[in-house]
N, C-alpha and C. Protein backbone atom coordinates (compact mmCIF):
# COMPACT_ATOMS: atom_id res chain seq x y z
N MET A 1 -12.00 8.06 3.75
CA MET A 1 -10.90 8.96 3.46
C MET A 1 -9.56 8.22 3.49
N ILE A 2 -9.39 7.34 4.48
CA ILE A 2 -8.16 6.56 4.54
C ILE A 2 -8.02 5.70 3.29
N ASN A 3 -9.16 5.12 2.85
CA ASN A 3 -9.13 4.30 1.64
C ASN A 3 -8.58 5.09 0.47
N ASP A 4 -9.09 6.30 0.28
CA ASP A 4 -8.65 7.13 -0.85
C ASP A 4 -7.18 7.48 -0.75
N GLN A 5 -6.74 7.81 0.46
CA GLN A 5 -5.32 8.17 0.63
C GLN A 5 -4.41 6.98 0.35
N VAL A 6 -4.77 5.81 0.85
CA VAL A 6 -3.96 4.61 0.61
C VAL A 6 -3.95 4.29 -0.88
N LEU A 7 -5.11 4.36 -1.52
CA LEU A 7 -5.18 4.08 -2.96
C LEU A 7 -4.34 5.07 -3.75
N ASP A 8 -4.37 6.34 -3.37
CA ASP A 8 -3.56 7.35 -4.07
C ASP A 8 -2.06 7.06 -3.91
N ILE A 9 -1.66 6.63 -2.73
CA ILE A 9 -0.25 6.30 -2.49
C ILE A 9 0.16 5.09 -3.31
N ILE A 10 -0.71 4.09 -3.37
CA ILE A 10 -0.42 2.90 -4.19
C ILE A 10 -0.24 3.30 -5.64
N VAL A 11 -1.16 4.09 -6.17
CA VAL A 11 -1.09 4.52 -7.57
C VAL A 11 0.19 5.30 -7.83
N ALA A 12 0.51 6.22 -6.94
CA ALA A 12 1.69 7.07 -7.14
C ALA A 12 2.99 6.28 -7.08
N HIS A 13 3.14 5.44 -6.08
CA HIS A 13 4.42 4.76 -5.88
C HIS A 13 4.60 3.54 -6.78
N LEU A 14 3.50 2.95 -7.23
CA LEU A 14 3.62 1.81 -8.12
C LEU A 14 3.42 2.24 -9.58
N ARG A 15 3.26 3.54 -9.77
CA ARG A 15 3.13 4.13 -11.10
C ARG A 15 2.04 3.42 -11.93
N LEU A 16 0.87 3.36 -11.34
CA LEU A 16 -0.28 2.74 -12.01
C LEU A 16 -1.08 3.79 -12.76
N ASP A 17 -1.75 3.39 -13.81
CA ASP A 17 -2.58 4.31 -14.58
C ASP A 17 -3.94 4.53 -13.93
N GLU A 18 -4.38 3.56 -13.12
CA GLU A 18 -5.66 3.69 -12.45
C GLU A 18 -5.60 3.01 -11.10
N ARG A 19 -6.58 3.29 -10.29
CA ARG A 19 -6.63 2.68 -8.96
C ARG A 19 -6.86 1.18 -9.07
N PRO A 20 -6.15 0.42 -8.25
CA PRO A 20 -6.37 -1.02 -8.26
C PRO A 20 -7.69 -1.36 -7.58
N LYS A 21 -8.20 -2.53 -7.86
CA LYS A 21 -9.40 -3.02 -7.18
C LYS A 21 -9.00 -3.51 -5.79
N LEU A 22 -9.95 -3.50 -4.88
CA LEU A 22 -9.65 -3.89 -3.50
C LEU A 22 -9.18 -5.34 -3.40
N GLN A 23 -9.62 -6.20 -4.29
CA GLN A 23 -9.23 -7.60 -4.24
C GLN A 23 -7.89 -7.87 -4.93
N ASP A 24 -7.32 -6.87 -5.62
CA ASP A 24 -6.04 -7.06 -6.29
C ASP A 24 -4.93 -7.32 -5.27
N LYS A 25 -4.06 -8.24 -5.62
CA LYS A 25 -2.88 -8.52 -4.79
C LYS A 25 -1.80 -7.49 -5.13
N LEU A 26 -1.15 -6.96 -4.11
CA LEU A 26 -0.09 -5.98 -4.34
C LEU A 26 1.02 -6.54 -5.21
N LEU A 27 1.39 -7.80 -4.96
CA LEU A 27 2.48 -8.40 -5.72
C LEU A 27 2.11 -8.66 -7.17
N ALA A 28 0.82 -8.59 -7.50
CA ALA A 28 0.37 -8.83 -8.87
C ALA A 28 0.24 -7.53 -9.67
N LEU A 29 0.62 -6.42 -9.09
CA LEU A 29 0.45 -5.13 -9.76
C LEU A 29 1.69 -4.71 -10.54
N ASP A 30 2.51 -5.66 -10.91
CA ASP A 30 3.72 -5.39 -11.71
C ASP A 30 4.66 -4.39 -11.05
N ALA A 31 4.75 -4.47 -9.75
CA ALA A 31 5.65 -3.59 -9.00
C ALA A 31 6.88 -4.39 -8.58
N ASP A 32 8.03 -3.74 -8.65
CA ASP A 32 9.22 -4.43 -8.15
C ASP A 32 9.38 -4.11 -6.67
N SER A 33 10.35 -4.74 -6.06
CA SER A 33 10.51 -4.59 -4.61
C SER A 33 10.82 -3.15 -4.21
N MET A 34 11.51 -2.41 -5.06
CA MET A 34 11.82 -1.01 -4.76
C MET A 34 10.54 -0.17 -4.77
N ASP A 35 9.65 -0.42 -5.74
CA ASP A 35 8.37 0.29 -5.78
C ASP A 35 7.57 0.03 -4.51
N LEU A 36 7.54 -1.24 -4.07
CA LEU A 36 6.79 -1.59 -2.86
C LEU A 36 7.42 -0.98 -1.62
N LEU A 37 8.74 -0.91 -1.59
CA LEU A 37 9.43 -0.27 -0.47
C LEU A 37 9.09 1.22 -0.41
N GLU A 38 9.10 1.88 -1.57
CA GLU A 38 8.75 3.30 -1.62
C GLU A 38 7.29 3.53 -1.22
N MET A 39 6.41 2.61 -1.62
CA MET A 39 5.02 2.70 -1.23
C MET A 39 4.89 2.59 0.28
N ARG A 40 5.60 1.64 0.87
CA ARG A 40 5.58 1.46 2.33
C ARG A 40 6.06 2.72 3.04
N GLU A 41 7.14 3.30 2.55
CA GLU A 41 7.66 4.53 3.15
C GLU A 41 6.67 5.68 2.99
N GLY A 42 6.00 5.75 1.84
CA GLY A 42 4.98 6.78 1.63
C GLY A 42 3.83 6.65 2.61
N LEU A 43 3.42 5.41 2.87
CA LEU A 43 2.35 5.17 3.85
C LEU A 43 2.81 5.56 5.25
N LYS A 44 4.04 5.21 5.60
CA LYS A 44 4.57 5.54 6.92
C LYS A 44 4.63 7.05 7.12
N GLU A 45 5.10 7.77 6.10
CA GLU A 45 5.22 9.23 6.21
C GLU A 45 3.86 9.91 6.24
N THR A 46 2.96 9.46 5.40
CA THR A 46 1.64 10.09 5.31
C THR A 46 0.83 9.91 6.59
N PHE A 47 0.87 8.70 7.13
CA PHE A 47 0.02 8.39 8.27
C PHE A 47 0.77 8.41 9.61
N GLY A 48 2.08 8.52 9.58
CA GLY A 48 2.85 8.56 10.82
C GLY A 48 2.78 7.25 11.59
N ILE A 49 2.82 6.14 10.86
CA ILE A 49 2.70 4.81 11.47
C ILE A 49 3.92 3.97 11.11
N GLU A 50 4.11 2.92 11.85
CA GLU A 50 5.14 1.94 11.53
C GLU A 50 4.48 0.76 10.84
N LEU A 51 5.10 0.29 9.79
CA LEU A 51 4.62 -0.89 9.07
C LEU A 51 5.74 -1.91 9.05
N PRO A 52 5.39 -3.18 9.10
CA PRO A 52 6.43 -4.22 9.11
C PRO A 52 7.27 -4.19 7.84
N ASP A 53 8.54 -4.51 7.99
CA ASP A 53 9.44 -4.53 6.84
C ASP A 53 9.01 -5.54 5.79
N ASP A 54 8.42 -6.64 6.23
CA ASP A 54 8.08 -7.70 5.28
C ASP A 54 6.79 -7.43 4.51
N ILE A 55 6.20 -6.25 4.71
CA ILE A 55 4.98 -5.93 3.98
C ILE A 55 5.23 -5.91 2.47
N THR A 56 6.46 -5.61 2.08
CA THR A 56 6.78 -5.55 0.66
C THR A 56 6.86 -6.94 0.03
N GLN A 57 6.90 -7.97 0.85
CA GLN A 57 6.96 -9.33 0.32
C GLN A 57 5.71 -10.13 0.67
N ALA A 58 4.82 -9.54 1.44
CA ALA A 58 3.60 -10.23 1.85
C ALA A 58 2.62 -10.27 0.68
N ASP A 59 1.85 -11.32 0.63
CA ASP A 59 0.88 -11.49 -0.44
C ASP A 59 -0.45 -10.86 -0.03
N LEU A 60 -0.42 -9.54 0.17
CA LEU A 60 -1.59 -8.80 0.64
C LEU A 60 -2.43 -8.31 -0.52
N THR A 61 -3.74 -8.22 -0.27
CA THR A 61 -4.60 -7.53 -1.21
C THR A 61 -4.60 -6.05 -0.86
N VAL A 62 -5.11 -5.25 -1.77
CA VAL A 62 -5.23 -3.82 -1.50
C VAL A 62 -6.12 -3.61 -0.27
N ALA A 63 -7.21 -4.35 -0.17
CA ALA A 63 -8.12 -4.22 0.97
C ALA A 63 -7.41 -4.56 2.28
N GLN A 64 -6.57 -5.59 2.27
CA GLN A 64 -5.84 -5.96 3.48
C GLN A 64 -4.85 -4.87 3.88
N LEU A 65 -4.23 -4.25 2.91
CA LEU A 65 -3.30 -3.16 3.21
C LEU A 65 -4.06 -1.98 3.82
N ILE A 66 -5.21 -1.65 3.26
CA ILE A 66 -6.02 -0.56 3.81
C ILE A 66 -6.42 -0.87 5.24
N LYS A 67 -6.82 -2.10 5.52
CA LYS A 67 -7.19 -2.50 6.88
C LYS A 67 -5.99 -2.41 7.82
N LEU A 68 -4.83 -2.84 7.35
CA LEU A 68 -3.62 -2.76 8.17
C LEU A 68 -3.33 -1.31 8.56
N VAL A 69 -3.40 -0.41 7.59
CA VAL A 69 -3.17 1.00 7.87
C VAL A 69 -4.23 1.52 8.84
N SER A 70 -5.50 1.21 8.58
CA SER A 70 -6.59 1.67 9.45
C SER A 70 -6.41 1.17 10.88
N ASP A 71 -6.03 -0.10 11.03
CA ASP A 71 -5.82 -0.67 12.36
C ASP A 71 -4.68 0.02 13.09
N LYS A 72 -3.64 0.40 12.37
CA LYS A 72 -2.48 1.08 12.99
C LYS A 72 -2.87 2.48 13.49
N LEU A 73 -3.88 3.05 12.88
CA LEU A 73 -4.30 4.40 13.26
C LEU A 73 -5.23 4.43 14.45
N LYS A 74 -5.68 3.27 14.90
CA LYS A 74 -6.61 3.20 16.05
C LYS A 74 -5.87 3.33 17.34
């Protein structure tokens, strides 16, 4: 369920036509820094967690982002 929610937030905030693959890098999804910032804020609001500011510049895969969110919820 967390996977689906994170993927939906990524699609919505990065304005993607389809869900990215888990191995896709966030920075390779043609998103600008503002899109990534909005995605980060969407994740924070949805899950009630704090995420590092530099997540928008980190070379994370979609799977790594999902794991980060999941770990914060534990």
